[in-house]
Amino acid sequence: MTDAQQPTGGSQFDSVQLKNALKAFKKRLKMARLDDESRLGHGAMTTGGRSGIVAIQPPNQYPPAIWPELVRQGKLRSAGYGLYELAEERA
């Protein structure tokens, strides 16, 4: 195993898996926000509105145990009810 594939700090996931899961999470969050902002309900004469989406259900292509590991590392924050948000967006 190379250094990039070594489990990080007692984690059962390697750094590549964690990086890919976080990337997929960010992409899904971005798409959910874009979908919300593009809907027609914001106003007839406006270009849309700001999305209120801050937390989403994580992609199911990754094992459920990977999300608590990303929370432990401080990259995500649990919002309850199986939803997660990016830790860097709220201080």
PDB file of N, CA and C in Angstrom:
ATOM      1  N   MET A   1       0.831  -1.184   0.000  1.00  0.00           N
ATOM      2  CA  MET A   1       0.000   0.000   0.000  1.00  0.00           C
ATOM      3  C   MET A   1       0.876   1.249   0.000  1.00  0.00           C
ATOM      4  N   THR A   2       0.500   2.231  -0.779  1.00  0.00           N
ATOM      5  CA  THR A   2       1.240   3.487  -0.779  1.00  0.00           C
ATOM      6  C   THR A   2       0.749   4.370   0.350  1.00  0.00           C
ATOM      7  N   ASP A   3       1.443   5.475   0.586  1.00  0.00           N
ATOM      8  CA  ASP A   3       1.028   6.394   1.646  1.00  0.00           C
ATOM      9  C   ASP A   3      -0.362   6.948   1.414  1.00  0.00           C
ATOM     10  N   ALA A   4      -0.737   7.185   0.157  1.00  0.00           N
ATOM     11  CA  ALA A   4      -2.056   7.739  -0.156  1.00  0.00           C
ATOM     12  C   ALA A   4      -3.165   6.732   0.124  1.00  0.00           C
ATOM     13  N   GLN A   5      -2.826   5.430   0.158  1.00  0.00           N
ATOM     14  CA  GLN A   5      -3.832   4.411   0.389  1.00  0.00           C
ATOM     15  C   GLN A   5      -3.886   3.954   1.840  1.00  0.00           C
ATOM     16  N   GLN A   6      -2.999   4.434   2.684  1.00  0.00           N
ATOM     17  CA  GLN A   6      -2.985   4.055   4.084  1.00  0.00           C
ATOM     18  C   GLN A   6      -4.204   4.632   4.797  1.00  0.00           C
ATOM     19  N   PRO A   7      -4.861   3.856   5.638  1.00  0.00           N
ATOM     20  CA  PRO A   7      -5.957   4.402   6.425  1.00  0.00           C
ATOM     21  C   PRO A   7      -5.465   5.554   7.302  1.00  0.00           C
ATOM     22  N   THR A   8      -6.290   6.566   7.451  1.00  0.00           N
ATOM     23  CA  THR A   8      -5.902   7.752   8.202  1.00  0.00           C
ATOM     24  C   THR A   8      -6.384   7.655   9.639  1.00  0.00           C
ATOM     25  N   GLY A   9      -5.487   7.706  10.570  1.00  0.00           N
ATOM     26  CA  GLY A   9      -5.803   7.789  11.993  1.00  0.00           C
ATOM     27  C   GLY A   9      -6.820   6.803  12.508  1.00  0.00           C
ATOM     28  N   GLY A  10      -6.685   5.540  12.198  1.00  0.00           N
ATOM     29  CA  GLY A  10      -7.598   4.541  12.710  1.00  0.00           C
ATOM     30  C   GLY A  10      -8.868   4.415  11.885  1.00  0.00           C
ATOM     31  N   SER A  11      -8.951   5.083  10.784  1.00  0.00           N
ATOM     32  CA  SER A  11     -10.120   5.023   9.918  1.00  0.00           C
ATOM     33  C   SER A  11     -10.085   3.740   9.109  1.00  0.00           C
ATOM     34  N   GLN A  12     -11.244   3.198   8.816  1.00  0.00           N
ATOM     35  CA  GLN A  12     -11.315   2.008   7.978  1.00  0.00           C
ATOM     36  C   GLN A  12     -11.329   2.360   6.498  1.00  0.00           C
ATOM     37  N   PHE A  13     -11.337   3.649   6.187  1.00  0.00           N
ATOM     38  CA  PHE A  13     -11.359   4.116   4.802  1.00  0.00           C
ATOM     39  C   PHE A  13     -10.026   4.758   4.461  1.00  0.00           C
ATOM     40  N   ASP A  14      -9.581   4.574   3.219  1.00  0.00           N
ATOM     41  CA  ASP A  14      -8.342   5.219   2.820  1.00  0.00           C
ATOM     42  C   ASP A  14      -8.634   6.657   2.377  1.00  0.00           C
ATOM     43  N   SER A  15      -7.590   7.437   2.233  1.00  0.00           N
ATOM     44  CA  SER A  15      -7.755   8.860   1.944  1.00  0.00           C
ATOM     45  C   SER A  15      -8.404   9.099   0.586  1.00  0.00           C
ATOM     46  N   VAL A  16      -8.194   8.197  -0.366  1.00  0.00           N
ATOM     47  CA  VAL A  16      -8.803   8.353  -1.689  1.00  0.00           C
ATOM     48  C   VAL A  16     -10.323   8.185  -1.594  1.00  0.00           C
ATOM     49  N   GLN A  17     -10.779   7.190  -0.840  1.00  0.00           N
ATOM     50  CA  GLN A  17     -12.215   6.991  -0.648  1.00  0.00           C
ATOM     51  C   GLN A  17     -12.840   8.205   0.018  1.00  0.00           C
ATOM     52  N   LEU A  18     -12.196   8.712   1.059  1.00  0.00           N
ATOM     53  CA  LEU A  18     -12.728   9.865   1.776  1.00  0.00           C
ATOM     54  C   LEU A  18     -12.781  11.092   0.876  1.00  0.00           C
ATOM     55  N   LYS A  19     -11.733  11.294   0.092  1.00  0.00           N
ATOM     56  CA  LYS A  19     -11.680  12.444  -0.814  1.00  0.00           C
ATOM     57  C   LYS A  19     -12.780  12.341  -1.869  1.00  0.00           C
ATOM     58  N   ASN A  20     -12.959  11.159  -2.445  1.00  0.00           N
ATOM     59  CA  ASN A  20     -13.993  10.974  -3.460  1.00  0.00           C
ATOM     60  C   ASN A  20     -15.401  11.124  -2.887  1.00  0.00           C
ATOM     61  N   ALA A  21     -15.615  10.632  -1.677  1.00  0.00           N
ATOM     62  CA  ALA A  21     -16.922  10.768  -1.044  1.00  0.00           C
ATOM     63  C   ALA A  21     -17.234  12.233  -0.769  1.00  0.00           C
ATOM     64  N   LEU A  22     -16.252  12.987  -0.280  1.00  0.00           N
ATOM     65  CA  LEU A  22     -16.468  14.407  -0.010  1.00  0.00           C
ATOM     66  C   LEU A  22     -16.731  15.167  -1.310  1.00  0.00           C
ATOM     67  N   LYS A  23     -16.021  14.813  -2.359  1.00  0.00           N
ATOM     68  CA  LYS A  23     -16.228  15.452  -3.662  1.00  0.00           C
ATOM     69  C   LYS A  23     -17.644  15.172  -4.175  1.00  0.00           C
ATOM     70  N   ALA A  24     -18.104  13.936  -4.047  1.00  0.00           N
ATOM     71  CA  ALA A  24     -19.455  13.572  -4.474  1.00  0.00           C
ATOM     72  C   ALA A  24     -20.503  14.314  -3.637  1.00  0.00           C
ATOM     73  N   PHE A  25     -20.238  14.453  -2.333  1.00  0.00           N
ATOM     74  CA  PHE A  25     -21.154  15.180  -1.464  1.00  0.00           C
ATOM     75  C   PHE A  25     -21.274  16.639  -1.901  1.00  0.00           C
ATOM     76  N   LYS A  26     -20.121  17.279  -2.161  1.00  0.00           N
ATOM     77  CA  LYS A  26     -20.130  18.686  -2.581  1.00  0.00           C
ATOM     78  C   LYS A  26     -20.858  18.866  -3.905  1.00  0.00           C
ATOM     79  N   LYS A  27     -20.660  17.930  -4.816  1.00  0.00           N
ATOM     80  CA  LYS A  27     -21.330  18.020  -6.116  1.00  0.00           C
ATOM     81  C   LYS A  27     -22.837  17.866  -5.956  1.00  0.00           C
ATOM     82  N   ARG A  28     -23.266  16.927  -5.131  1.00  0.00           N
ATOM     83  CA  ARG A  28     -24.700  16.739  -4.905  1.00  0.00           C
ATOM     84  C   ARG A  28     -25.315  17.953  -4.217  1.00  0.00           C
ATOM     85  N   LEU A  29     -24.600  18.551  -3.272  1.00  0.00           N
ATOM     86  CA  LEU A  29     -25.089  19.755  -2.601  1.00  0.00           C
ATOM     87  C   LEU A  29     -25.217  20.903  -3.594  1.00  0.00           C
ATOM     88  N   LYS A  30     -24.226  21.066  -4.447  1.00  0.00           N
ATOM     89  CA  LYS A  30     -24.253  22.122  -5.458  1.00  0.00           C
ATOM     90  C   LYS A  30     -25.439  21.935  -6.402  1.00  0.00           C
ATOM     91  N   MET A  31     -25.656  20.703  -6.845  1.00  0.00           N
ATOM     92  CA  MET A  31     -26.760  20.436  -7.759  1.00  0.00           C
ATOM     93  C   MET A  31     -28.110  20.676  -7.090  1.00  0.00           C
ATOM     94  N   ALA A  32     -28.244  20.317  -5.828  1.00  0.00           N
ATOM     95  CA  ALA A  32     -29.495  20.557  -5.108  1.00  0.00           C
ATOM     96  C   ALA A  32     -29.762  22.054  -4.983  1.00  0.00           C
ATOM     97  N   ARG A  33     -28.724  22.831  -4.710  1.00  0.00           N
ATOM     98  CA  ARG A  33     -28.882  24.280  -4.602  1.00  0.00           C
ATOM     99  C   ARG A  33     -29.239  24.903  -5.948  1.00  0.00           C
ATOM    100  N   LEU A  34     -28.556  24.477  -7.011  1.00  0.00           N
ATOM    101  CA  LEU A  34     -28.866  25.006  -8.338  1.00  0.00           C
ATOM    102  C   LEU A  34     -30.294  24.675  -8.745  1.00  0.00           C
ATOM    103  N   ASP A  35     -30.741  23.477  -8.439  1.00  0.00           N
ATOM    104  CA  ASP A  35     -32.103  23.076  -8.752  1.00  0.00           C
ATOM    105  C   ASP A  35     -33.100  23.942  -7.987  1.00  0.00           C
ATOM    106  N   ASP A  36     -32.828  24.205  -6.728  1.00  0.00           N
ATOM    107  CA  ASP A  36     -33.718  25.028  -5.916  1.00  0.00           C
ATOM    108  C   ASP A  36     -33.741  26.476  -6.416  1.00  0.00           C
ATOM    109  N   GLU A  37     -32.592  27.015  -6.789  1.00  0.00           N
ATOM    110  CA  GLU A  37     -32.509  28.397  -7.238  1.00  0.00           C
ATOM    111  C   GLU A  37     -33.150  28.610  -8.605  1.00  0.00           C
ATOM    112  N   SER A  38     -33.228  27.567  -9.414  1.00  0.00           N
ATOM    113  CA  SER A  38     -33.750  27.736 -10.767  1.00  0.00           C
ATOM    114  C   SER A  38     -35.256  27.546 -10.860  1.00  0.00           C
ATOM    115  N   ARG A  39     -35.904  27.211  -9.780  1.00  0.00           N
ATOM    116  CA  ARG A  39     -37.354  27.002  -9.864  1.00  0.00           C
ATOM    117  C   ARG A  39     -38.069  28.324 -10.078  1.00  0.00           C
ATOM    118  N   LEU A  40     -39.275  28.256 -10.566  1.00  0.00           N
ATOM    119  CA  LEU A  40     -40.014  29.442 -10.962  1.00  0.00           C
ATOM    120  C   LEU A  40     -40.716  30.146  -9.807  1.00  0.00           C
ATOM    121  N   GLY A  41     -40.759  29.582  -8.646  1.00  0.00           N
ATOM    122  CA  GLY A  41     -41.523  30.138  -7.548  1.00  0.00           C
ATOM    123  C   GLY A  41     -40.914  31.336  -6.851  1.00  0.00           C
ATOM    124  N   HIS A  42     -39.752  31.796  -7.253  1.00  0.00           N
ATOM    125  CA  HIS A  42     -39.105  32.904  -6.552  1.00  0.00           C
ATOM    126  C   HIS A  42     -39.673  34.261  -6.933  1.00  0.00           C
ATOM    127  N   GLY A  43     -40.193  34.408  -8.093  1.00  0.00           N
ATOM    128  CA  GLY A  43     -40.771  35.684  -8.526  1.00  0.00           C
ATOM    129  C   GLY A  43     -40.725  35.774 -10.035  1.00  0.00           C
ATOM    130  N   ALA A  44     -41.760  36.372 -10.619  1.00  0.00           N
ATOM    131  CA  ALA A  44     -41.883  36.409 -12.072  1.00  0.00           C
ATOM    132  C   ALA A  44     -40.825  37.288 -12.727  1.00  0.00           C
ATOM    133  N   MET A  45     -40.424  38.354 -12.081  1.00  0.00           N
ATOM    134  CA  MET A  45     -39.512  39.303 -12.706  1.00  0.00           C
ATOM    135  C   MET A  45     -38.087  39.203 -12.158  1.00  0.00           C
ATOM    136  N   THR A  46     -37.786  38.131 -11.487  1.00  0.00           N
ATOM    137  CA  THR A  46     -36.455  37.974 -10.921  1.00  0.00           C
ATOM    138  C   THR A  46     -35.720  36.846 -11.614  1.00  0.00           C
ATOM    139  N   THR A  47     -34.455  36.756 -11.377  1.00  0.00           N
ATOM    140  CA  THR A  47     -33.645  35.696 -11.972  1.00  0.00           C
ATOM    141  C   THR A  47     -33.604  34.460 -11.085  1.00  0.00           C
ATOM    142  N   GLY A  48     -34.393  34.430 -10.074  1.00  0.00           N
ATOM    143  CA  GLY A  48     -34.373  33.312  -9.140  1.00  0.00           C
ATOM    144  C   GLY A  48     -34.084  33.849  -7.756  1.00  0.00           C
ATOM    145  N   GLY A  49     -33.736  32.990  -6.880  1.00  0.00           N
ATOM    146  CA  GLY A  49     -33.441  33.419  -5.517  1.00  0.00           C
ATOM    147  C   GLY A  49     -32.340  32.583  -4.924  1.00  0.00           C
ATOM    148  N   ARG A  50     -31.903  32.987  -3.765  1.00  0.00           N
ATOM    149  CA  ARG A  50     -30.881  32.226  -3.060  1.00  0.00           C
ATOM    150  C   ARG A  50     -31.516  30.957  -2.506  1.00  0.00           C
ATOM    151  N   SER A  51     -30.790  29.881  -2.606  1.00  0.00           N
ATOM    152  CA  SER A  51     -31.271  28.612  -2.092  1.00  0.00           C
ATOM    153  C   SER A  51     -31.116  28.587  -0.574  1.00  0.00           C
ATOM    154  N   GLY A  52     -32.062  27.997   0.072  1.00  0.00           N
ATOM    155  CA  GLY A  52     -31.996  27.838   1.515  1.00  0.00           C
ATOM    156  C   GLY A  52     -31.453  26.475   1.918  1.00  0.00           C
ATOM    157  N   ILE A  53     -31.003  25.701   0.957  1.00  0.00           N
ATOM    158  CA  ILE A  53     -30.506  24.345   1.235  1.00  0.00           C
ATOM    159  C   ILE A  53     -29.114  24.427   1.846  1.00  0.00           C
ATOM    160  N   VAL A  54     -28.970  23.913   3.051  1.00  0.00           N
ATOM    161  CA  VAL A  54     -27.663  23.876   3.705  1.00  0.00           C
ATOM    162  C   VAL A  54     -27.219  22.457   3.994  1.00  0.00           C
ATOM    163  N   ALA A  55     -28.172  21.521   4.067  1.00  0.00           N
ATOM    164  CA  ALA A  55     -27.832  20.135   4.385  1.00  0.00           C
ATOM    165  C   ALA A  55     -28.585  19.210   3.435  1.00  0.00           C
ATOM    166  N   ILE A  56     -27.942  18.094   3.109  1.00  0.00           N
ATOM    167  CA  ILE A  56     -28.550  17.116   2.213  1.00  0.00           C
ATOM    168  C   ILE A  56     -28.285  15.708   2.737  1.00  0.00           C
ATOM    169  N   GLN A  57     -29.023  14.762   2.168  1.00  0.00           N
ATOM    170  CA  GLN A  57     -28.744  13.358   2.437  1.00  0.00           C
ATOM    171  C   GLN A  57     -27.534  12.980   1.582  1.00  0.00           C
ATOM    172  N   PRO A  58     -26.531  12.347   2.146  1.00  0.00           N
ATOM    173  CA  PRO A  58     -25.314  12.042   1.385  1.00  0.00           C
ATOM    174  C   PRO A  58     -25.576  11.013   0.294  1.00  0.00           C
ATOM    175  N   PRO A  59     -24.711  11.000  -0.733  1.00  0.00           N
ATOM    176  CA  PRO A  59     -24.864  10.021  -1.816  1.00  0.00           C
ATOM    177  C   PRO A  59     -24.811   8.590  -1.291  1.00  0.00           C
ATOM    178  N   ASN A  60     -25.689   7.750  -1.802  1.00  0.00           N
ATOM    179  CA  ASN A  60     -25.741   6.369  -1.312  1.00  0.00           C
ATOM    180  C   ASN A  60     -24.774   5.442  -2.038  1.00  0.00           C
ATOM    181  N   GLN A  61     -23.915   5.972  -2.917  1.00  0.00           N
ATOM    182  CA  GLN A  61     -22.918   5.139  -3.579  1.00  0.00           C
ATOM    183  C   GLN A  61     -21.757   4.802  -2.654  1.00  0.00           C
ATOM    184  N   TYR A  62     -21.705   5.438  -1.507  1.00  0.00           N
ATOM    185  CA  TYR A  62     -20.634   5.218  -0.534  1.00  0.00           C
ATOM    186  C   TYR A  62     -21.222   4.557   0.701  1.00  0.00           C
ATOM    187  N   PRO A  63     -20.413   3.805   1.435  1.00  0.00           N
ATOM    188  CA  PRO A  63     -20.918   3.139   2.639  1.00  0.00           C
ATOM    189  C   PRO A  63     -21.386   4.164   3.678  1.00  0.00           C
ATOM    190  N   PRO A  64     -22.442   3.859   4.399  1.00  0.00           N
ATOM    191  CA  PRO A  64     -22.968   4.808   5.394  1.00  0.00           C
ATOM    192  C   PRO A  64     -21.948   5.199   6.468  1.00  0.00           C
ATOM    193  N   ALA A  65     -20.984   4.349   6.757  1.00  0.00           N
ATOM    194  CA  ALA A  65     -20.001   4.637   7.804  1.00  0.00           C
ATOM    195  C   ALA A  65     -18.981   5.691   7.386  1.00  0.00           C
ATOM    196  N   ILE A  66     -18.924   6.036   6.111  1.00  0.00           N
ATOM    197  CA  ILE A  66     -17.937   7.012   5.658  1.00  0.00           C
ATOM    198  C   ILE A  66     -18.326   8.429   6.088  1.00  0.00           C
ATOM    199  N   TRP A  67     -19.618   8.693   6.227  1.00  0.00           N
ATOM    200  CA  TRP A  67     -20.067  10.051   6.561  1.00  0.00           C
ATOM    201  C   TRP A  67     -19.730  10.427   8.000  1.00  0.00           C
ATOM    202  N   PRO A  68     -19.946   9.542   8.995  1.00  0.00           N
ATOM    203  CA  PRO A  68     -19.482   9.884  10.353  1.00  0.00           C
ATOM    204  C   PRO A  68     -17.963  10.067  10.434  1.00  0.00           C
ATOM    205  N   GLU A  69     -17.216   9.352   9.587  1.00  0.00           N
ATOM    206  CA  GLU A  69     -15.769   9.522   9.570  1.00  0.00           C
ATOM    207  C   GLU A  69     -15.408  10.923   9.075  1.00  0.00           C
ATOM    208  N   LEU A  70     -16.108  11.420   8.052  1.00  0.00           N
ATOM    209  CA  LEU A  70     -15.862  12.779   7.565  1.00  0.00           C
ATOM    210  C   LEU A  70     -16.287  13.825   8.602  1.00  0.00           C
ATOM    211  N   VAL A  71     -17.306  13.502   9.397  1.00  0.00           N
ATOM    212  CA  VAL A  71     -17.694  14.388  10.503  1.00  0.00           C
ATOM    213  C   VAL A  71     -16.592  14.407  11.547  1.00  0.00           C
ATOM    214  N   ARG A  72     -16.048  13.224  11.858  1.00  0.00           N
ATOM    215  CA  ARG A  72     -14.972  13.130  12.849  1.00  0.00           C
ATOM    216  C   ARG A  72     -13.745  13.922  12.410  1.00  0.00           C
ATOM    217  N   GLN A  73     -13.486  13.946  11.102  1.00  0.00           N
ATOM    218  CA  GLN A  73     -12.349  14.689  10.579  1.00  0.00           C
ATOM    219  C   GLN A  73     -12.626  16.190  10.457  1.00  0.00           C
ATOM    220  N   GLY A  74     -13.865  16.600  10.695  1.00  0.00           N
ATOM    221  CA  GLY A  74     -14.194  18.017  10.659  1.00  0.00           C
ATOM    222  C   GLY A  74     -14.525  18.559   9.280  1.00  0.00           C
ATOM    223  N   LYS A  75     -14.756  17.692   8.316  1.00  0.00           N
ATOM    224  CA  LYS A  75     -15.076  18.145   6.958  1.00  0.00           C
ATOM    225  C   LYS A  75     -16.568  18.313   6.752  1.00  0.00           C
ATOM    226  N   LEU A  76     -17.364  17.519   7.450  1.00  0.00           N
ATOM    227  CA  LEU A  76     -18.819  17.616   7.403  1.00  0.00           C
ATOM    228  C   LEU A  76     -19.345  17.814   8.807  1.00  0.00           C
ATOM    229  N   ARG A  77     -20.587  18.221   8.890  1.00  0.00           N
ATOM    230  CA  ARG A  77     -21.268  18.385  10.170  1.00  0.00           C
ATOM    231  C   ARG A  77     -22.626  17.694  10.058  1.00  0.00           C
ATOM    232  N   SER A  78     -22.996  16.935  11.057  1.00  0.00           N
ATOM    233  CA  SER A  78     -24.284  16.262  11.057  1.00  0.00           C
ATOM    234  C   SER A  78     -25.372  17.281  11.365  1.00  0.00           C
ATOM    235  N   ALA A  79     -26.424  17.272  10.534  1.00  0.00           N
ATOM    236  CA  ALA A  79     -27.538  18.190  10.740  1.00  0.00           C
ATOM    237  C   ALA A  79     -28.742  17.460  11.326  1.00  0.00           C
ATOM    238  N   GLY A  80     -28.589  16.183  11.623  1.00  0.00           N
ATOM    239  CA  GLY A  80     -29.674  15.390  12.188  1.00  0.00           C
ATOM    240  C   GLY A  80     -30.529  14.763  11.099  1.00  0.00           C
ATOM    241  N   TYR A  81     -31.259  13.730  11.464  1.00  0.00           N
ATOM    242  CA  TYR A  81     -32.177  13.036  10.563  1.00  0.00           C
ATOM    243  C   TYR A  81     -31.484  12.499   9.312  1.00  0.00           C
ATOM    244  N   GLY A  82     -30.211  12.127   9.415  1.00  0.00           N
ATOM    245  CA  GLY A  82     -29.476  11.572   8.291  1.00  0.00           C
ATOM    246  C   GLY A  82     -28.982  12.592   7.294  1.00  0.00           C
ATOM    247  N   LEU A  83     -29.058  13.875   7.637  1.00  0.00           N
ATOM    248  CA  LEU A  83     -28.592  14.941   6.753  1.00  0.00           C
ATOM    249  C   LEU A  83     -27.238  15.448   7.224  1.00  0.00           C
ATOM    250  N   TYR A  84     -26.437  15.894   6.267  1.00  0.00           N
ATOM    251  CA  TYR A  84     -25.112  16.436   6.567  1.00  0.00           C
ATOM    252  C   TYR A  84     -24.930  17.758   5.836  1.00  0.00           C
ATOM    253  N   GLU A  85     -24.077  18.616   6.413  1.00  0.00           N
ATOM    254  CA  GLU A  85     -23.736  19.889   5.790  1.00  0.00           C
ATOM    255  C   GLU A  85     -22.233  20.058   5.807  1.00  0.00           C
ATOM    256  N   LEU A  86     -21.730  20.947   4.951  1.00  0.00           N
ATOM    257  CA  LEU A  86     -20.298  21.227   4.934  1.00  0.00           C
ATOM    258  C   LEU A  86     -19.922  21.990   6.192  1.00  0.00           C
ATOM    259  N   ALA A  87     -18.853  21.576   6.835  1.00  0.00           N
ATOM    260  CA  ALA A  87     -18.431  22.212   8.087  1.00  0.00           C
ATOM    261  C   ALA A  87     -17.879  23.609   7.840  1.00  0.00           C
ATOM    262  N   GLU A  88     -17.274  23.854   6.680  1.00  0.00           N
ATOM    263  CA  GLU A  88     -16.631  25.138   6.430  1.00  0.00           C
ATOM    264  C   GLU A  88     -17.608  26.259   6.131  1.00  0.00           C
ATOM    265  N   GLU A  89     -18.878  25.947   5.885  1.00  0.00           N
ATOM    266  CA  GLU A  89     -19.845  26.987   5.523  1.00  0.00           C
ATOM    267  C   GLU A  89     -20.412  27.711   6.725  1.00  0.00           C
ATOM    268  N   ARG A  90     -20.431  27.068   7.861  1.00  0.00           N
ATOM    269  CA  ARG A  90     -20.906  27.718   9.088  1.00  0.00           C
ATOM    270  C   ARG A  90     -19.799  27.743  10.085  1.00  0.00           C
ATOM    271  N   ALA A  91     -19.655  28.851  10.754  1.00  0.00           N
ATOM    272  CA  ALA A  91     -18.599  28.954  11.773  1.00  0.00           C
ATOM    273  C   ALA A  91     -19.196  28.990  13.152  1.00  0.00           C
TER     274      ALA A  91
END
